[in-house]
């Protein structure tokens, strides 16, 4: 399944598009409804449908292994590493606390999409078609900020143009991230990292481009694999992946059994908490990427909207990925209804629907890397909670005063020491102890996240009230009109016809050769 994912392509007119960067760019940059549908549907046809039978076999094998490890099923095995009585109840409680914020954001974004695509494709009382949110999986919506920007004309914190204008390449982006870590008194990346990491897509072979960090457990070899594009998204991703490497470096002295995060959510939160600083206008100006910044309430709302389209939009997706798998592993979701349950959860939690009717011949979950690569996902939801708890604690240590969203811990040795002391613990202590080490608390809490986004929440409530928006998606049965044929469809049809003719002629030729 992973090999199929890494080599999957969507083809038209004799040209094939890989996921990264080709389809990524279409999903992020196109505003053509039909083209977006072509990319969205084509990727699922290429890697989703063919994985269905393989996934059934995978589930059987995973559950067999779980039983051998004294767990009733693989979902229970995954949850057991968090060492809590009922992880599902804990994360659902956190999600329900944040659900009103997500629904306000959803209503706001739906209105903005309605203004672009109209009533044929957007219903103001219904869910949103999943291919319109700037991302192949609609897990983050930051690429449609141009549609959703509250106050156009204000200085933007989209650094993609600036990175290109200033001549950044992949290596320079990684070096900039490394300097951020060392400014905190944390470890620089070792020579092996620079010598052996893959930071650009190779020309001579197919690779899985999904960004990942690796610990080779010899206390010196740590690497990243990433097909870096010169964008703000990848600038953020670099800091996230190097956060994993920093964690590896900090706990490398421990026995191997403790060389991991306090829990899986910790590992994901470390990189993300640093990204909260490095994407602030203050920091981007300090390191010379932004030439000027603006300091006024409207610019703040624009900035917070950009962050929310990443962080808040992700929350329900980060939760439903594993809720779906837990149901399959424990049998509450029949193996014959995997795709139906996938879209049921996406509707319930995200307020999203597929752009056309789907069936059990489709297998849309397998179009996501973590599904076919056996990577548990609730860690990413938990990381969204932890990162804001970490951020507030580090900002306090750095002496920051003022709104939490304006904090940049760059060059704060105090913040770096607080973070490093926690990272050094690895998994040698229960995760509540590690959490207390950095935050003074032993429980996951959404309060820091709410505090960070408070000005945006007030804006959304006011703006949605002004427009008399429906909060939620009560018109659950609504579906958009069928998308028009994209301009390449005729080319694809003619190619298919040509291929059939070629196959027919070859068959005749081979027949005569054999005779």
Protein backbone atom coordinates (compact mmCIF):
# COMPACT_ATOMS: atom_id res chain seq x y z
CA UNK A 1 0.00 0.00 0.00
CA UNK A 2 2.83 2.39 0.81
CA UNK A 3 4.57 1.65 -2.48
CA UNK A 4 1.36 2.30 -4.39
CA UNK A 5 0.99 5.57 -2.53
CA UNK A 6 4.56 6.68 -3.24
CA UNK A 7 4.29 5.97 -6.96
CA UNK A 8 0.68 7.07 -7.51
CA UNK A 9 0.00 9.53 -10.32
CA UNK A 10 -3.00 11.17 -11.97
CA UNK A 11 -2.66 11.38 -15.74
CA UNK A 12 -4.25 13.49 -18.46
CA UNK A 13 -3.25 14.51 -21.97
CA UNK A 14 -0.16 12.34 -21.92
CA UNK A 15 1.19 14.00 -18.79
CA UNK A 16 1.11 12.53 -15.30
CA UNK A 17 1.00 14.45 -12.02
CA UNK A 18 2.52 13.13 -8.81
CA UNK A 19 1.04 14.02 -5.45
CA UNK A 20 4.01 16.13 -4.37
CA UNK A 21 4.36 18.75 -5.69
CA UNK A 22 1.97 18.59 -8.66
CA UNK A 23 -1.39 17.70 -7.10
CA UNK A 24 -0.50 19.63 -3.94
CA UNK A 25 -0.14 22.75 -6.07
CA UNK A 26 -3.41 22.21 -7.91
CA UNK A 27 -5.32 21.74 -4.65
CA UNK A 28 -3.65 24.80 -3.09
CA UNK A 29 -3.68 27.21 -6.02
CA UNK A 30 -6.53 26.33 -8.39
CA UNK A 31 -9.94 27.92 -7.98
CA UNK A 32 -11.43 25.93 -10.87
CA UNK A 33 -14.10 23.67 -9.37
CA UNK A 34 -13.74 21.05 -12.11
CA UNK A 35 -9.95 20.94 -12.01
CA UNK A 36 -9.99 20.54 -8.24
CA UNK A 37 -12.43 17.67 -8.60
CA UNK A 38 -10.25 16.04 -11.27
CA UNK A 39 -7.21 16.10 -8.96
CA UNK A 40 -9.19 15.02 -5.89
CA UNK A 41 -11.01 12.16 -7.56
CA UNK A 42 -8.02 11.06 -9.63
CA UNK A 43 -5.81 10.63 -6.58
CA UNK A 44 -8.44 8.48 -4.87
CA UNK A 45 -8.85 6.36 -7.98
CA UNK A 46 -5.09 5.93 -8.23
CA UNK A 47 -4.27 4.92 -4.65
CA UNK A 48 -7.53 4.49 -2.74
CA UNK A 49 -9.60 1.95 -4.67
CA UNK A 50 -6.70 -0.48 -5.29
CA UNK A 51 -5.88 -0.60 -1.55
CA UNK A 52 -9.24 -1.93 -0.36
CA UNK A 53 -8.46 -5.66 -0.37
CA UNK A 54 -4.93 -5.04 0.94
CA UNK A 55 -6.37 -3.06 3.84
CA UNK A 56 -8.69 -5.88 4.84
CA UNK A 57 -5.68 -8.20 5.06
CA UNK A 58 -3.75 -5.53 6.99
CA UNK A 59 -6.58 -5.29 9.57
CA UNK A 60 -6.55 -9.05 10.09
CA UNK A 61 -2.78 -9.07 10.59
CA UNK A 62 -2.77 -6.07 12.92
CA UNK A 63 -5.47 -7.54 15.13
CA UNK A 64 -3.67 -10.88 15.27
CA UNK A 65 -0.53 -9.09 16.46
CA UNK A 66 -2.52 -7.11 19.05
CA UNK A 67 -4.01 -10.27 20.55
CA UNK A 68 -0.51 -11.73 20.76
CA UNK A 69 0.38 -8.65 22.83
CA UNK A 70 -2.51 -9.16 25.25
CA UNK A 71 -4.80 -6.53 23.70
CA UNK A 72 -8.27 -7.25 22.26
CA UNK A 73 -7.59 -5.43 18.97
CA UNK A 74 -5.09 -3.10 17.34
CA UNK A 75 -6.99 0.07 18.28
CA UNK A 76 -6.81 -0.90 21.95
CA UNK A 77 -3.10 -1.62 21.51
CA UNK A 78 -2.50 1.85 20.04
CA UNK A 79 -4.45 3.54 22.84
CA UNK A 80 -2.62 1.58 25.54
CA UNK A 81 0.60 3.54 25.02
CA UNK A 82 -1.09 6.64 26.50
CA UNK A 83 -1.60 4.88 29.83
CA UNK A 84 -4.99 6.45 30.59
CA UNK A 85 -8.26 4.73 31.45
CA UNK A 86 -10.27 5.94 28.45
CA UNK A 87 -8.31 7.86 25.81
CA UNK A 88 -11.31 8.15 23.50
CA UNK A 89 -13.40 9.82 26.20
CA UNK A 90 -10.53 12.17 27.07
CA UNK A 91 -9.99 13.38 23.51
CA UNK A 92 -13.70 13.68 22.82
CA UNK A 93 -14.07 15.86 25.90
CA UNK A 94 -11.34 18.17 24.59
CA UNK A 95 -12.88 18.23 21.12
CA UNK A 96 -16.33 19.11 22.45
CA UNK A 97 -14.80 22.03 24.35
CA UNK A 98 -13.36 23.34 21.07
CA UNK A 99 -16.25 22.36 18.78
CA UNK A 100 -18.04 25.76 19.03
CA UNK A 101 -14.88 27.47 17.75
CA UNK A 102 -14.58 25.02 14.85
CA UNK A 103 -18.22 25.50 13.92
CA UNK A 104 -17.82 29.29 13.89
CA UNK A 105 -14.80 28.91 11.60
CA UNK A 106 -16.68 26.46 9.37
CA UNK A 107 -19.62 28.86 8.96
CA UNK A 108 -17.31 31.75 8.11
CA UNK A 109 -15.32 29.75 5.55
CA UNK A 110 -18.51 28.32 3.99
CA UNK A 111 -19.77 31.86 3.34
CA UNK A 112 -16.48 32.85 1.71
CA UNK A 113 -16.55 29.75 -0.52
CA UNK A 114 -20.17 30.52 -1.43
CA UNK A 115 -19.03 33.93 -2.65
CA UNK A 116 -16.55 32.21 -4.99
CA UNK A 117 -18.41 29.10 -6.18
CA UNK A 118 -22.08 30.02 -5.78
CA UNK A 119 -25.19 28.12 -4.77
CA UNK A 120 -24.63 25.21 -7.20
CA UNK A 121 -21.66 24.06 -5.18
CA UNK A 122 -22.10 25.58 -1.70
CA UNK A 123 -25.18 25.41 0.53
CA UNK A 124 -25.15 27.91 3.39
CA UNK A 125 -26.99 25.47 5.67
CA UNK A 126 -25.01 22.40 4.67
CA UNK A 127 -21.61 20.75 4.71
CA UNK A 128 -18.74 21.88 2.47
CA UNK A 129 -17.52 19.81 -0.52
CA UNK A 130 -14.20 18.37 0.61
CA UNK A 131 -12.14 19.32 -2.46
CA UNK A 132 -12.50 23.10 -2.07
CA UNK A 133 -10.39 23.71 1.03
CA UNK A 134 -6.90 23.90 -0.45
CA UNK A 135 -5.69 20.49 0.68
CA UNK A 136 -6.02 16.99 -0.78
CA UNK A 137 -7.66 15.76 2.45
CA UNK A 138 -9.22 19.04 3.69
CA UNK A 139 -7.25 18.53 6.88
CA UNK A 140 -5.85 22.07 6.84
CA UNK A 141 -7.37 25.05 5.06
CA UNK A 142 -4.51 27.55 5.13
CA UNK A 143 -4.07 27.51 1.34
CA UNK A 144 -7.45 29.22 0.86
CA UNK A 145 -6.49 32.16 3.05
CA UNK A 146 -6.78 34.39 -0.03
CA UNK A 147 -10.50 33.53 -0.09
CA UNK A 148 -11.00 33.83 3.67
CA UNK A 149 -8.82 36.86 4.51
CA UNK A 150 -10.86 39.06 6.88
CA UNK A 151 -9.17 42.36 6.02
CA UNK A 152 -7.68 42.38 2.50
CA UNK A 153 -4.99 44.94 1.90
CA UNK A 154 -3.33 44.55 5.26
CA UNK A 155 0.29 43.40 5.27
CA UNK A 156 0.39 39.66 4.69
CA UNK A 157 2.39 37.06 6.56
CA UNK A 158 2.50 34.80 3.51
CA UNK A 159 6.26 34.49 3.15
CA UNK A 160 6.30 32.29 0.03
CA UNK A 161 6.94 35.25 -2.33
CA UNK A 162 9.58 36.67 0.00
CA UNK A 163 11.42 33.33 0.28
CA UNK A 164 11.66 33.16 -3.49
CA UNK A 165 12.59 36.81 -3.93
CA UNK A 166 15.38 36.50 -1.37
CA UNK A 167 16.83 33.44 -3.07
CA UNK A 168 16.03 30.80 -0.46
CA UNK A 169 16.59 27.21 -1.46
CA UNK A 170 15.94 24.05 0.56
CA UNK A 171 19.33 24.09 2.27
CA UNK A 172 19.03 27.70 3.35
CA UNK A 173 15.58 27.04 4.79
CA UNK A 174 16.99 24.16 6.85
CA UNK A 175 19.94 26.27 7.99
CA UNK A 176 17.54 29.03 9.10
CA UNK A 177 15.60 26.53 11.18
CA UNK A 178 18.81 25.18 12.71
CA UNK A 179 19.77 28.69 13.80
CA UNK A 180 16.44 29.05 15.57
CA UNK A 181 17.16 25.96 17.69
CA UNK A 182 20.68 27.05 18.57
CA UNK A 183 19.42 30.53 19.51
CA UNK A 184 17.53 28.81 22.34
CA UNK A 185 20.66 27.04 23.55
CA UNK A 186 19.50 23.73 22.05
CA UNK A 187 21.64 21.36 19.99
CA UNK A 188 22.68 22.10 16.40
CA UNK A 189 22.00 19.43 13.81
CA UNK A 190 24.97 16.98 13.71
CA UNK A 191 27.14 16.37 10.61
CA UNK A 192 25.31 13.13 9.78
CA UNK A 193 22.08 15.11 9.49
CA UNK A 194 23.52 17.41 6.83
CA UNK A 195 25.36 14.63 5.02
CA UNK A 196 22.61 12.02 4.81
CA UNK A 197 19.21 13.77 4.92
CA UNK A 198 17.11 13.97 1.76
CA UNK A 199 15.81 17.53 1.60
CA UNK A 200 14.93 17.78 -2.11
CA UNK A 201 13.09 15.36 -4.36
CA UNK A 202 15.60 13.19 -6.26
CA UNK A 203 15.43 13.06 -10.05
CA UNK A 204 16.60 9.47 -10.43
CA UNK A 205 13.94 7.53 -8.47
CA UNK A 206 10.47 7.57 -6.99
CA UNK A 207 10.26 8.30 -3.26
CA UNK A 208 7.64 8.80 -0.58
CA UNK A 209 7.72 12.58 -0.27
CA UNK A 210 5.76 12.74 2.98
CA UNK A 211 8.07 14.65 5.33
CA UNK A 212 9.49 12.41 8.08
CA UNK A 213 12.27 12.41 10.68
CA UNK A 214 14.39 9.38 11.57
CA UNK A 215 16.43 8.27 14.59
CA UNK A 216 18.91 5.51 13.67
CA UNK A 217 19.52 4.77 17.37
CA UNK A 218 23.32 4.99 17.21
CA UNK A 219 23.32 8.35 19.05
CA UNK A 220 24.73 10.25 16.06
CA UNK A 221 22.74 9.53 12.89
CA UNK A 222 19.51 11.52 12.65
CA UNK A 223 17.93 12.40 9.32
CA UNK A 224 14.99 14.05 7.59
CA UNK A 225 13.32 12.98 4.34
CA UNK A 226 11.43 15.82 2.66
CA UNK A 227 10.76 16.96 -0.91
CA UNK A 228 11.12 20.62 -0.04
CA UNK A 229 9.25 23.27 -1.98
CA UNK A 230 10.08 26.94 -1.42
CA UNK A 231 6.86 27.83 0.38
CA UNK A 232 5.68 29.04 3.75
CA UNK A 233 4.09 25.63 4.31
CA UNK A 234 7.41 23.84 3.88
CA UNK A 235 9.24 26.46 5.96
CA UNK A 236 6.89 25.54 8.81
CA UNK A 237 7.23 21.82 8.09
CA UNK A 238 11.02 22.03 8.30
CA UNK A 239 10.81 23.42 11.83
CA UNK A 240 8.32 20.70 12.75
CA UNK A 241 10.52 17.86 11.47
CA UNK A 242 13.65 19.35 13.02
CA UNK A 243 11.70 19.47 16.28
CA UNK A 244 11.57 15.68 16.10
CA UNK A 245 15.33 15.59 15.53
CA UNK A 246 15.90 17.90 18.50
CA UNK A 247 13.88 15.54 20.70
CA UNK A 248 16.02 12.61 19.46
CA UNK A 249 19.20 14.55 20.25
CA UNK A 250 18.05 15.50 23.72
CA UNK A 251 17.20 11.97 24.86
CA UNK A 252 19.89 10.05 22.97
CA UNK A 253 21.77 9.41 26.24
CA UNK A 254 18.91 7.30 27.64
CA UNK A 255 18.57 3.51 27.37
CA UNK A 256 16.97 2.61 24.01
CA UNK A 257 13.63 1.70 25.60
CA UNK A 258 13.23 5.32 26.80
CA UNK A 259 14.32 6.96 23.53
CA UNK A 260 10.88 8.17 22.49
CA UNK A 261 8.48 10.93 23.41
CA UNK A 262 6.74 11.02 26.77
CA UNK A 263 3.76 10.05 24.62
CA UNK A 264 3.27 10.23 20.86
CA UNK A 265 1.55 13.59 21.12
CA UNK A 266 4.61 15.12 22.76
CA UNK A 267 6.78 14.36 19.75
CA UNK A 268 4.37 16.06 17.37
CA UNK A 269 3.85 19.02 19.70
CA UNK A 270 7.54 19.91 20.00
CA UNK A 271 7.98 20.91 16.38
CA UNK A 272 4.61 22.62 16.26
CA UNK A 273 5.22 24.73 19.35
CA UNK A 274 8.36 26.15 17.76
CA UNK A 275 6.43 26.88 14.57
CA UNK A 276 4.08 29.08 16.62
CA UNK A 277 7.05 31.38 17.20
CA UNK A 278 8.77 31.16 13.82
CA UNK A 279 5.64 32.09 11.86
CA UNK A 280 4.90 35.25 13.84
CA UNK A 281 5.42 38.51 11.91
CA UNK A 282 7.80 39.58 14.68
CA UNK A 283 10.10 36.61 14.12
CA UNK A 284 9.93 36.69 10.33
CA UNK A 285 10.91 40.34 10.43
CA UNK A 286 13.72 39.67 12.93
CA UNK A 287 15.37 37.12 10.62
CA UNK A 288 14.92 39.30 7.54
CA UNK A 289 12.27 37.35 5.64
CA UNK A 290 9.63 40.06 6.06
CA UNK A 291 10.84 43.58 5.32
CA UNK A 292 8.04 45.25 7.25
CA UNK A 293 5.27 44.30 9.63
CA UNK A 294 2.07 45.92 10.78
CA UNK A 295 0.85 46.15 14.35
CA UNK A 296 -2.88 46.80 14.43
CA UNK A 297 -5.99 44.79 15.41
CA UNK A 298 -7.04 44.02 11.82
CA UNK A 299 -3.59 42.64 10.95
CA UNK A 300 -3.78 40.53 14.11
CA UNK A 301 -7.11 39.04 12.98
CA UNK A 302 -5.63 38.27 9.57
CA UNK A 303 -2.68 36.51 11.21
CA UNK A 304 -4.88 34.54 13.61
CA UNK A 305 -7.15 33.52 10.75
CA UNK A 306 -4.18 32.11 8.88
CA UNK A 307 -3.11 30.12 11.96
CA UNK A 308 -6.68 28.94 12.66
CA UNK A 309 -7.08 27.65 9.09
CA UNK A 310 -4.16 25.40 9.98
CA UNK A 311 -4.65 24.56 13.65
CA UNK A 312 -8.41 24.77 14.31
CA UNK A 313 -9.51 23.37 10.96
CA UNK A 314 -7.33 20.33 11.64
CA UNK A 315 -8.86 19.34 15.00
CA UNK A 316 -11.80 17.19 13.84
CA UNK A 317 -9.72 15.51 11.15
CA UNK A 318 -6.99 14.71 13.66
CA UNK A 319 -9.60 12.96 15.78
CA UNK A 320 -11.74 11.10 13.23
CA UNK A 321 -8.81 9.39 11.50
CA UNK A 322 -8.31 7.07 14.46
CA UNK A 323 -11.95 6.92 15.52
CA UNK A 324 -12.54 5.42 12.06
CA UNK A 325 -9.71 2.91 12.47
CA UNK A 326 -10.65 2.01 16.05
CA UNK A 327 -14.12 1.09 14.78
CA UNK A 328 -12.70 -1.13 12.05
CA UNK A 329 -10.22 -2.80 14.39
CA UNK A 330 -12.82 -3.63 17.06
CA UNK A 331 -15.48 -4.68 14.56
CA UNK A 332 -18.09 -2.01 15.31
CA UNK A 333 -17.61 -0.84 11.71
CA UNK A 334 -18.23 -3.75 9.32
CA UNK A 335 -15.46 -4.31 6.82
CA UNK A 336 -18.16 -4.01 4.13
CA UNK A 337 -18.96 -0.43 5.16
CA UNK A 338 -15.52 1.12 5.54
CA UNK A 339 -16.07 3.93 3.02
CA UNK A 340 -19.59 4.66 4.24
CA UNK A 341 -18.30 5.07 7.81
CA UNK A 342 -15.40 7.24 6.61
CA UNK A 343 -17.79 9.79 5.10
CA UNK A 344 -20.23 9.51 8.00
CA UNK A 345 -17.46 10.61 10.37
CA UNK A 346 -16.23 13.33 8.06
CA UNK A 347 -19.73 14.75 7.92
CA UNK A 348 -20.26 14.47 11.68
CA UNK A 349 -16.95 15.93 12.80
CA UNK A 350 -15.80 18.15 9.93
CA UNK A 351 -19.05 19.13 8.24
CA UNK A 352 -17.65 17.93 4.90
CA UNK A 353 -19.05 15.81 2.08
CA UNK A 354 -17.49 14.30 -1.03
CA UNK A 355 -18.06 16.31 -4.23
CA UNK A 356 -19.96 13.35 -5.73
CA UNK A 357 -21.67 10.26 -4.34
CA UNK A 358 -19.24 7.57 -3.16
CA UNK A 359 -19.75 3.85 -2.78
CA UNK A 360 -18.05 0.84 -1.24
CA UNK A 361 -16.13 0.37 -4.48
CA UNK A 362 -14.27 3.51 -3.38
CA UNK A 363 -11.83 3.47 -0.48
CA UNK A 364 -11.13 7.12 0.18
CA UNK A 365 -9.39 6.76 3.53
CA UNK A 366 -6.49 5.00 1.78
CA UNK A 367 -5.74 8.21 -0.12
CA UNK A 368 -4.13 9.45 3.12
CA UNK A 369 -0.52 8.50 3.85
CA UNK A 370 -0.98 7.63 7.53
CA UNK A 371 -3.76 5.15 6.77
CA UNK A 372 -1.76 3.04 4.33
CA UNK A 373 1.51 3.44 6.26
CA UNK A 374 0.22 2.18 9.61
CA UNK A 375 0.77 5.46 11.51
CA UNK A 376 -1.60 6.15 14.46
CA UNK A 377 -3.05 9.64 14.14
CA UNK A 378 -4.70 10.77 17.36
CA UNK A 379 -1.21 11.92 18.38
CA UNK A 380 -1.65 14.89 16.04
CA UNK A 381 -4.89 15.94 17.71
CA UNK A 382 -3.26 15.64 21.14
CA UNK A 383 -0.26 17.59 19.85
CA UNK A 384 -2.55 20.51 18.94
CA UNK A 385 -3.56 20.69 22.60
CA UNK A 386 -0.08 20.22 24.05
CA UNK A 387 1.60 22.73 21.75
CA UNK A 388 -0.45 25.63 23.07
CA UNK A 389 0.15 24.54 26.66
CA UNK A 390 3.88 24.35 25.88
CA UNK A 391 3.78 27.69 24.06
CA UNK A 392 2.23 29.56 26.96
CA UNK A 393 4.75 28.05 29.41
CA UNK A 394 7.72 28.87 27.16
CA UNK A 395 6.45 32.40 26.56
CA UNK A 396 6.16 32.94 30.30
CA UNK A 397 9.72 31.66 30.75
CA UNK A 398 10.97 34.04 28.05
CA UNK A 399 9.44 37.02 29.85
CA UNK A 400 6.89 37.71 27.13
CA UNK A 401 4.09 40.12 28.00
CA UNK A 402 1.02 40.84 25.91
CA UNK A 403 -1.22 38.66 23.73
CA UNK A 404 -0.11 35.04 23.47
CA UNK A 405 -0.30 35.02 19.68
CA UNK A 406 2.40 37.70 19.48
CA UNK A 407 5.00 35.72 21.43
CA UNK A 408 8.29 34.72 19.80
CA UNK A 409 10.74 32.79 22.00
CA UNK A 410 13.64 33.28 19.56
CA UNK A 411 16.97 33.77 21.38
CA UNK A 412 15.46 33.03 24.80
CA UNK A 413 17.88 30.77 26.65
CA UNK A 414 15.38 30.52 29.52
CA UNK A 415 12.68 29.13 27.26
CA UNK A 416 15.22 26.83 25.63
CA UNK A 417 16.33 25.41 28.97
CA UNK A 418 12.74 24.78 30.07
CA UNK A 419 12.04 22.93 26.83
CA UNK A 420 15.34 21.06 26.80
CA UNK A 421 14.92 19.84 30.39
CA UNK A 422 11.62 18.25 29.42
CA UNK A 423 12.95 16.76 26.17
CA UNK A 424 15.84 15.08 27.98
CA UNK A 425 13.35 12.96 29.95
CA UNK A 426 12.20 11.09 26.84
CA UNK A 427 9.87 8.31 27.98
CA UNK A 428 11.73 7.69 31.23
CA UNK A 429 8.83 9.18 33.24
CA UNK A 430 5.04 9.02 32.80
CA UNK A 431 3.86 11.71 30.40
CA UNK A 432 1.94 13.71 33.07
CA UNK A 433 5.28 14.15 34.88
CA UNK A 434 6.91 15.42 31.68
CA UNK A 435 3.96 17.75 31.09
CA UNK A 436 4.26 19.10 34.61
CA UNK A 437 8.00 19.66 34.07
CA UNK A 438 7.29 22.25 31.38
CA UNK A 439 3.81 23.59 32.19
CA UNK A 440 3.28 22.98 35.89
CA UNK A 441 0.13 20.98 34.98
CA UNK A 442 -0.47 17.25 34.82
CA UNK A 443 -3.58 17.30 32.62
CA UNK A 444 -4.25 18.09 28.96
CA UNK A 445 -6.09 21.39 28.77
CA UNK A 446 -7.55 23.45 25.93
CA UNK A 447 -7.37 26.70 27.92
CA UNK A 448 -4.08 27.87 26.37
CA UNK A 449 -5.43 27.26 22.86
CA UNK A 450 -8.59 29.23 23.65
CA UNK A 451 -6.50 32.05 25.09
CA UNK A 452 -4.32 32.18 21.96
CA UNK A 453 -7.28 32.51 19.58
CA UNK A 454 -9.58 34.63 21.76
CA UNK A 455 -9.52 37.74 19.52
CA UNK A 456 -10.38 35.65 16.45
CA UNK A 457 -13.23 33.85 18.19
CA UNK A 458 -14.77 37.20 19.10
CA UNK A 459 -14.40 38.35 15.48
CA UNK A 460 -16.00 35.18 14.07
CA UNK A 461 -18.97 35.35 16.41
CA UNK A 462 -19.54 38.98 15.48
CA UNK A 463 -19.10 38.47 11.72
CA UNK A 464 -21.24 35.32 11.59
CA UNK A 465 -23.94 37.06 13.61
CA UNK A 466 -23.89 40.01 11.25
CA UNK A 467 -24.42 37.68 8.28
CA UNK A 468 -27.01 35.59 10.14
CA UNK A 469 -24.99 32.45 9.41
CA UNK A 470 -26.20 28.97 10.27
CA UNK A 471 -23.78 27.52 12.81
CA UNK A 472 -23.34 23.86 11.97
CA UNK A 473 -24.58 21.98 8.90
CA UNK A 474 -28.20 20.89 9.52
CA UNK A 475 -28.90 20.26 5.80
CA UNK A 476 -26.91 17.02 5.89
CA UNK A 477 -28.54 15.44 2.83
CA UNK A 478 -27.56 18.23 0.44
CA UNK A 479 -25.10 17.41 -2.36
CA UNK A 480 -23.50 19.81 -4.85
CA UNK A 481 -24.27 19.65 -8.55
CA UNK A 482 -22.05 17.37 -10.60
CA UNK A 483 -18.85 19.18 -11.61
CA UNK A 484 -18.52 20.22 -15.25
CA UNK A 485 -16.04 18.36 -17.41
CA UNK A 486 -12.57 19.75 -16.92
CA UNK A 487 -10.85 21.01 -20.06
CA UNK A 488 -8.53 17.97 -20.16
CA UNK A 489 -11.37 15.45 -20.07
CA UNK A 490 -11.64 15.31 -23.87
CA UNK A 491 -7.90 14.74 -24.05
CA UNK A 492 -8.16 11.93 -21.54
CA UNK A 493 -11.04 10.37 -23.51
CA UNK A 494 -9.15 10.55 -26.77
CA UNK A 495 -6.09 9.08 -25.09
CA UNK A 496 -8.15 6.21 -23.74
CA UNK A 497 -9.58 5.62 -27.20
CA UNK A 498 -6.11 5.76 -28.73
CA UNK A 499 -4.87 3.26 -26.17
CA UNK A 500 -7.69 0.84 -27.02
CA UNK A 501 -6.92 1.14 -30.73
CA UNK A 502 -3.23 0.54 -30.07
CA UNK A 503 -4.03 -2.54 -27.97
CA UNK A 504 -6.31 -3.85 -30.72
CA UNK A 505 -3.62 -3.42 -33.42
CA UNK A 506 -0.98 -5.03 -31.23
CA UNK A 507 -3.31 -7.99 -30.63
CA UNK A 508 -3.79 -8.45 -34.37
CA UNK A 509 -0.05 -8.17 -35.00
CA UNK A 510 0.78 -10.70 -32.30
CA UNK A 511 -1.88 -13.05 -33.63
CA UNK A 512 -0.31 -13.03 -37.08
CA UNK A 513 3.19 -13.39 -35.65
CA UNK A 514 2.18 -16.46 -33.67
CA UNK A 515 0.45 -17.95 -36.66
